[in-house]
Amino acid sequence: MAGVGILLVAGYAVVRMGDGAASTDTTAAGGPSPSASASPGQPELNRWSFDRGRCYIWNQDDRISDADEVPCASPHLFEAVRKLDIASDYPTDSAYPTETRWREINDRYCEPVARDFLGYPFDPHGRFASGIIRPSRFGWESGDRALVCGLIAAGNAATPNRLVPFTGVVEGADQARVYPPGTCLELTTTETKGEIPCGAPHQAEVTGTATLPNTSDGQPPSEAAFEELARSRCQAVATRFLGRPFRDTETMQVSALHLAAESWRAGTRTITCMIIFVDGRGGFAAVTGALSHTGEGVMA
């Protein structure tokens, strides 16, 4: 058995994986060696042929599951990039890495491999991240130092120990992490806390997405310039979403989630447009109901 170390936007999570078939010889294929058990609540996986550019999925709810190769156009959890052996840096007497050390191993070995595979940097706040299939503690103590570096969808704080299925290869995909139209968001003056049911108090509803043009020098725009670029585009998105022209009022305004400078430098140009609810004094207002649901509309 082995583990998957996942570097998520919301944090670092671990999904244990194991070889349920005792007769399977994974060593010759360069895969992780068998072990005795998986960590609580995580599946053991029965297949280890993780080949470059191939995509894989497994049942995260089963204690024992096959890791099946699927077309990358289908939902999958892991896109394999490269197999590595780190024995030269971690001799046989090395202690099993802590979760913090696994994060460092991912950053040192797998993130550069994934970046080279793509040919461009990750958006650190975007849809994708690097991940590793790693030896379990039993395998590590038996001398296994084989890793498989790959690409995963960035997770979220609500389900930190689960991989998020995605479709398509990562290379060339838009890295923007956006919310679908009709999603209600909980906001504060300093952060986006995330998706929330529209029946619960929220401060914004997503109307769709827009793509911004590049700046003349390619550098991230100032806050004022970003607002100017986003304003008219998100106004049009709001009109399409509502099916009627929309104008700002004292309590409802067109807005967008800001792109961090690191995201802009990584090439992300797609933004989440939304209508925010305000109290007329410059602060957010909490409302219930959805603009997008007939009979549940929020009154301005």
Protein backbone atom coordinates (compact mmCIF):
# COMPACT_ATOMS: atom_id res chain seq x y z
CA MET A 1 0.00 0.00 0.00
CA ALA A 2 0.96 3.58 -0.49
CA GLY A 3 -0.44 7.02 0.05
CA VAL A 4 -1.39 9.97 -2.06
CA GLY A 5 -0.03 13.24 -0.75
CA ILE A 6 -2.23 16.04 -1.99
CA LEU A 7 -1.23 19.68 -1.97
CA LEU A 8 -4.53 21.52 -1.88
CA VAL A 9 -5.36 25.19 -1.98
CA ALA A 10 -7.18 24.69 1.30
CA GLY A 11 -4.44 22.62 2.90
CA TYR A 12 -2.57 19.36 2.76
CA ALA A 13 -4.54 16.11 2.77
CA VAL A 14 -3.65 12.46 2.61
CA VAL A 15 -5.49 9.63 0.89
CA ARG A 16 -4.06 6.24 1.69
CA MET A 17 -3.82 3.68 -1.05
CA GLY A 18 -3.00 0.00 -0.91
CA ASP A 19 -2.49 -3.14 -2.95
CA GLY A 20 -5.35 -5.47 -2.05
CA ALA A 21 -4.05 -8.30 -4.24
CA ALA A 22 -1.19 -10.03 -2.43
CA SER A 23 -0.04 -11.74 -5.62
CA THR A 24 0.50 -8.48 -7.49
CA ASP A 25 4.17 -7.73 -8.12
CA THR A 26 4.45 -3.95 -8.11
CA THR A 27 8.20 -3.73 -7.69
CA ALA A 28 9.03 -4.76 -11.24
CA ALA A 29 6.71 -2.08 -12.59
CA GLY A 30 8.39 0.58 -10.49
CA GLY A 31 5.25 1.12 -8.37
CA PRO A 32 5.01 1.41 -4.60
CA SER A 33 5.50 -1.78 -2.62
CA PRO A 34 2.68 -3.51 -0.70
CA SER A 35 1.90 -2.66 2.90
CA ALA A 36 -0.38 -3.91 5.64
CA SER A 37 -3.17 -1.40 6.07
CA ALA A 38 -4.60 1.93 5.03
CA SER A 39 -5.27 4.91 7.22
CA PRO A 40 -8.79 5.04 8.72
CA GLY A 41 -11.55 6.04 6.34
CA GLN A 42 -9.44 5.94 3.18
CA PRO A 43 -9.49 3.34 0.39
CA GLU A 44 -6.84 0.78 -0.47
CA LEU A 45 -6.16 0.65 -4.20
CA ASN A 46 -5.31 -2.44 -6.21
CA ARG A 47 -3.50 -1.08 -9.25
CA TRP A 48 -0.19 0.70 -9.67
CA SER A 49 0.47 1.23 -13.40
CA PHE A 50 0.44 5.01 -13.29
CA ASP A 51 1.81 6.00 -16.71
CA ARG A 52 2.80 9.48 -17.88
CA GLY A 53 -0.13 11.49 -19.19
CA ARG A 54 -2.69 8.81 -18.25
CA CYS A 55 -5.66 9.50 -15.98
CA TYR A 56 -7.00 7.43 -13.08
CA ILE A 57 -10.02 7.19 -10.81
CA TRP A 58 -11.09 5.08 -7.85
CA ASN A 59 -13.99 4.86 -5.41
CA GLN A 60 -13.10 7.06 -2.46
CA ASP A 61 -15.90 5.62 -0.33
CA ASP A 62 -14.76 1.98 -0.48
CA ARG A 63 -12.09 0.64 1.87
CA ILE A 64 -10.67 -1.40 -1.00
CA SER A 65 -10.96 -0.12 -4.55
CA ASP A 66 -9.36 -0.50 -7.99
CA ALA A 67 -7.47 2.42 -9.42
CA ASP A 68 -8.85 2.33 -12.95
CA GLU A 69 -7.32 4.06 -15.94
CA VAL A 70 -9.97 6.10 -17.75
CA PRO A 71 -9.92 8.47 -20.73
CA CYS A 72 -8.82 11.88 -19.53
CA ALA A 73 -12.00 13.31 -21.06
CA SER A 74 -13.91 11.38 -18.37
CA PRO A 75 -14.04 12.36 -14.69
CA HIS A 76 -10.83 11.31 -12.94
CA LEU A 77 -8.85 12.04 -9.77
CA PHE A 78 -5.21 11.88 -10.85
CA GLU A 79 -3.21 12.58 -14.00
CA ALA A 80 0.17 10.86 -13.76
CA VAL A 81 3.31 12.76 -14.76
CA ARG A 82 6.49 10.97 -13.69
CA LYS A 83 7.89 8.24 -11.45
CA LEU A 84 10.76 9.18 -9.16
CA ASP A 85 12.98 7.40 -6.67
CA ILE A 86 14.23 9.53 -3.78
CA ALA A 87 16.41 6.85 -2.15
CA SER A 88 19.57 8.90 -2.67
CA ASP A 89 18.16 11.63 -0.43
CA TYR A 90 16.40 9.34 2.04
CA PRO A 91 18.56 6.32 3.01
CA THR A 92 17.11 3.19 4.55
CA ASP A 93 17.45 4.46 8.11
CA SER A 94 15.41 7.62 7.42
CA ALA A 95 12.32 8.06 9.55
CA TYR A 96 8.93 8.06 7.83
CA PRO A 97 8.20 11.66 6.84
CA THR A 98 5.72 13.73 8.80
CA GLU A 99 2.88 15.43 6.93
CA THR A 100 4.88 18.66 6.95
CA ARG A 101 7.85 16.84 5.44
CA TRP A 102 5.62 15.21 2.80
CA ARG A 103 4.51 18.70 1.82
CA GLU A 104 8.17 19.67 1.46
CA ILE A 105 8.85 16.52 -0.61
CA ASN A 106 5.93 17.40 -2.87
CA ASP A 107 7.22 20.96 -3.27
CA ARG A 108 10.79 19.81 -3.90
CA TYR A 109 10.21 16.91 -6.26
CA CYS A 110 6.71 16.88 -7.72
CA GLU A 111 5.82 20.53 -8.21
CA PRO A 112 8.86 21.21 -10.46
CA VAL A 113 8.17 17.98 -12.39
CA ALA A 114 4.54 18.99 -12.90
CA ARG A 115 5.54 22.52 -13.92
CA ASP A 116 8.05 21.19 -16.46
CA PHE A 117 5.41 18.80 -17.79
CA LEU A 118 2.99 21.68 -18.35
CA GLY A 119 5.59 24.17 -19.57
CA TYR A 120 4.19 26.98 -17.43
CA PRO A 121 3.66 27.71 -13.73
CA PHE A 122 0.69 26.79 -11.56
CA ASP A 123 -1.79 29.40 -10.51
CA PRO A 124 -1.33 29.03 -6.72
CA HIS A 125 -5.01 29.94 -6.20
CA GLY A 126 -6.26 28.02 -9.22
CA ARG A 127 -7.98 24.76 -10.12
CA PHE A 128 -4.99 22.43 -10.10
CA ALA A 129 -2.13 21.36 -7.88
CA SER A 130 0.66 18.80 -7.80
CA GLY A 131 0.18 15.54 -5.91
CA ILE A 132 2.19 12.44 -5.10
CA ILE A 133 1.57 8.73 -4.79
CA ARG A 134 3.95 7.83 -2.02
CA PRO A 135 5.06 4.76 -0.07
CA SER A 136 3.06 3.85 3.00
CA ARG A 137 4.84 3.68 6.33
CA PHE A 138 5.23 -0.10 5.95
CA GLY A 139 6.66 0.30 2.45
CA TRP A 140 8.98 3.09 3.58
CA GLU A 141 10.32 1.02 6.45
CA SER A 142 10.90 -1.82 3.94
CA GLY A 143 13.08 0.49 1.84
CA ASP A 144 10.55 1.71 -0.74
CA ARG A 145 11.31 5.27 -1.90
CA ALA A 146 9.29 5.29 -5.15
CA LEU A 147 7.02 8.25 -5.87
CA VAL A 148 4.59 8.97 -8.66
CA CYS A 149 4.17 12.68 -9.28
CA GLY A 150 0.93 13.83 -10.82
CA LEU A 151 -1.70 16.50 -11.23
CA ILE A 152 -4.90 16.83 -9.21
CA ALA A 153 -7.76 19.26 -8.84
CA ALA A 154 -7.34 21.59 -5.90
CA GLY A 155 -9.60 20.64 -3.02
CA ASN A 156 -11.50 22.63 -0.46
CA ALA A 157 -11.64 23.02 3.29
CA ALA A 158 -15.00 21.26 3.59
CA THR A 159 -13.61 17.93 2.33
CA PRO A 160 -9.84 18.11 2.91
CA ASN A 161 -9.22 14.36 2.68
CA ARG A 162 -11.00 13.82 -0.62
CA LEU A 163 -9.78 14.35 -4.14
CA VAL A 164 -12.03 16.39 -6.43
CA PRO A 165 -12.89 14.73 -9.78
CA PHE A 166 -12.15 16.75 -12.91
CA THR A 167 -12.35 16.20 -16.66
CA GLY A 168 -9.82 16.85 -19.39
CA VAL A 169 -6.05 17.03 -19.27
CA VAL A 170 -4.50 19.79 -17.22
CA GLU A 171 -2.19 21.00 -19.99
CA GLY A 172 -3.82 23.97 -21.72
CA ALA A 173 -6.82 24.04 -19.36
CA ASP A 174 -7.96 27.32 -17.87
CA GLN A 175 -6.55 27.39 -14.36
CA ALA A 176 -9.14 29.83 -13.06
CA ARG A 177 -11.04 28.60 -10.03
CA VAL A 178 -14.55 29.92 -10.51
CA TYR A 179 -18.00 29.29 -9.08
CA PRO A 180 -20.96 28.24 -11.26
CA PRO A 181 -23.83 30.70 -11.88
CA GLY A 182 -26.41 30.69 -9.11
CA THR A 183 -23.90 29.87 -6.38
CA CYS A 184 -24.40 31.88 -3.21
CA LEU A 185 -21.28 33.05 -1.40
CA GLU A 186 -20.45 34.05 2.13
CA LEU A 187 -18.18 37.09 2.08
CA THR A 188 -16.47 39.33 4.59
CA THR A 189 -14.63 42.56 3.95
CA THR A 190 -11.35 40.63 3.86
CA GLU A 191 -12.10 37.18 2.39
CA THR A 192 -14.37 34.91 0.40
CA LYS A 193 -15.42 32.26 2.89
CA GLY A 194 -16.95 30.06 0.19
CA GLU A 195 -20.15 28.54 -1.13
CA ILE A 196 -23.21 28.46 1.09
CA PRO A 197 -26.84 27.35 0.50
CA CYS A 198 -28.90 30.22 -0.88
CA GLY A 199 -31.46 29.60 1.87
CA ALA A 200 -28.82 30.63 4.42
CA PRO A 201 -27.68 34.22 4.93
CA HIS A 202 -25.17 35.18 2.26
CA GLN A 203 -23.63 38.33 0.81
CA ALA A 204 -23.35 37.53 -2.92
CA GLU A 205 -24.76 35.41 -5.73
CA VAL A 206 -22.62 34.36 -8.69
CA THR A 207 -23.92 35.43 -12.11
CA GLY A 208 -21.26 33.78 -14.30
CA THR A 209 -17.73 34.33 -15.53
CA ALA A 210 -15.88 36.81 -17.73
CA THR A 211 -12.46 36.79 -19.35
CA LEU A 212 -10.29 39.87 -18.97
CA PRO A 213 -7.90 41.12 -21.65
CA ASN A 214 -4.21 41.25 -20.93
CA THR A 215 -2.61 44.46 -19.72
CA SER A 216 -0.27 46.32 -22.06
CA ASP A 217 2.80 45.17 -20.14
CA GLY A 218 1.40 41.80 -19.01
CA GLN A 219 1.72 42.80 -15.36
CA PRO A 220 -1.13 42.46 -12.84
CA PRO A 221 -3.48 45.47 -12.98
CA SER A 222 -3.94 47.81 -10.06
CA GLU A 223 -7.11 47.47 -8.05
CA ALA A 224 -8.67 50.41 -9.89
CA ALA A 225 -7.62 49.04 -13.28
CA PHE A 226 -8.99 45.59 -12.41
CA GLU A 227 -12.32 47.12 -11.44
CA GLU A 228 -12.44 49.02 -14.73
CA LEU A 229 -11.66 45.86 -16.73
CA ALA A 230 -14.22 43.78 -14.84
CA ARG A 231 -17.05 46.26 -14.48
CA SER A 232 -18.62 46.34 -17.95
CA ARG A 233 -18.01 42.63 -18.52
CA CYS A 234 -19.70 41.60 -15.28
CA GLN A 235 -22.54 44.03 -15.99
CA ALA A 236 -23.26 42.15 -19.21
CA VAL A 237 -22.96 38.81 -17.37
CA ALA A 238 -25.54 39.98 -14.79
CA THR A 239 -27.97 40.98 -17.54
CA ARG A 240 -27.68 37.57 -19.20
CA PHE A 241 -28.05 35.78 -15.87
CA LEU A 242 -31.19 37.68 -14.82
CA GLY A 243 -32.71 37.88 -18.30
CA ARG A 244 -33.24 41.62 -17.95
CA PRO A 245 -31.08 44.74 -17.68
CA PHE A 246 -29.54 45.24 -14.27
CA ARG A 247 -28.53 48.50 -12.64
CA ASP A 248 -26.79 48.97 -9.33
CA THR A 249 -28.96 50.08 -6.43
CA GLU A 250 -28.16 51.10 -2.89
CA THR A 251 -28.50 47.47 -1.83
CA MET A 252 -27.39 45.39 -4.86
CA GLN A 253 -24.26 45.92 -6.97
CA VAL A 254 -22.32 44.19 -9.72
CA SER A 255 -18.92 42.97 -8.55
CA ALA A 256 -16.25 40.32 -9.17
CA LEU A 257 -13.84 38.19 -7.16
CA HIS A 258 -10.41 39.77 -7.48
CA LEU A 259 -7.55 37.92 -9.15
CA ALA A 260 -4.39 37.74 -7.06
CA ALA A 261 -1.20 39.01 -8.66
CA GLU A 262 0.26 35.48 -8.57
CA SER A 263 -2.75 34.19 -10.53
CA TRP A 264 -2.37 36.92 -13.14
CA ARG A 265 1.33 36.15 -13.58
CA ALA A 266 0.44 32.46 -14.05
CA GLY A 267 -1.82 33.43 -16.96
CA THR A 268 -5.26 33.31 -15.33
CA ARG A 269 -7.69 35.80 -16.86
CA THR A 270 -11.13 34.31 -16.06
CA ILE A 271 -13.00 35.90 -13.17
CA THR A 272 -16.14 35.10 -11.18
CA CYS A 273 -18.82 37.78 -11.64
CA MET A 274 -21.45 38.26 -8.95
CA ILE A 275 -24.09 40.53 -7.50
CA ILE A 276 -23.26 41.62 -3.98
CA PHE A 277 -25.72 42.75 -1.32
CA VAL A 278 -24.77 45.89 0.62
CA ASP A 279 -26.29 47.90 3.43
CA GLY A 280 -26.05 51.33 1.83
CA ARG A 281 -23.30 52.37 4.23
CA GLY A 282 -20.43 50.62 2.50
CA GLY A 283 -20.76 47.25 4.24
CA PHE A 284 -22.11 43.86 3.22
CA ALA A 285 -25.69 42.87 3.94
CA ALA A 286 -26.73 39.27 4.60
CA VAL A 287 -29.76 38.10 2.64
CA THR A 288 -31.59 34.81 2.13
CA GLY A 289 -33.10 33.43 -1.06
CA ALA A 290 -31.75 33.34 -4.60
CA LEU A 291 -32.02 35.82 -7.43
CA SER A 292 -32.01 32.91 -9.84
CA HIS A 293 -34.98 31.00 -8.37
CA THR A 294 -38.50 32.12 -9.20
CA GLY A 295 -40.41 32.83 -6.03
CA GLU A 296 -37.24 33.08 -3.95
CA GLY A 297 -35.87 36.30 -5.37
CA VAL A 298 -34.12 38.76 -3.09
CA MET A 299 -35.87 42.11 -2.95
CA ALA A 300 -33.60 45.12 -3.47
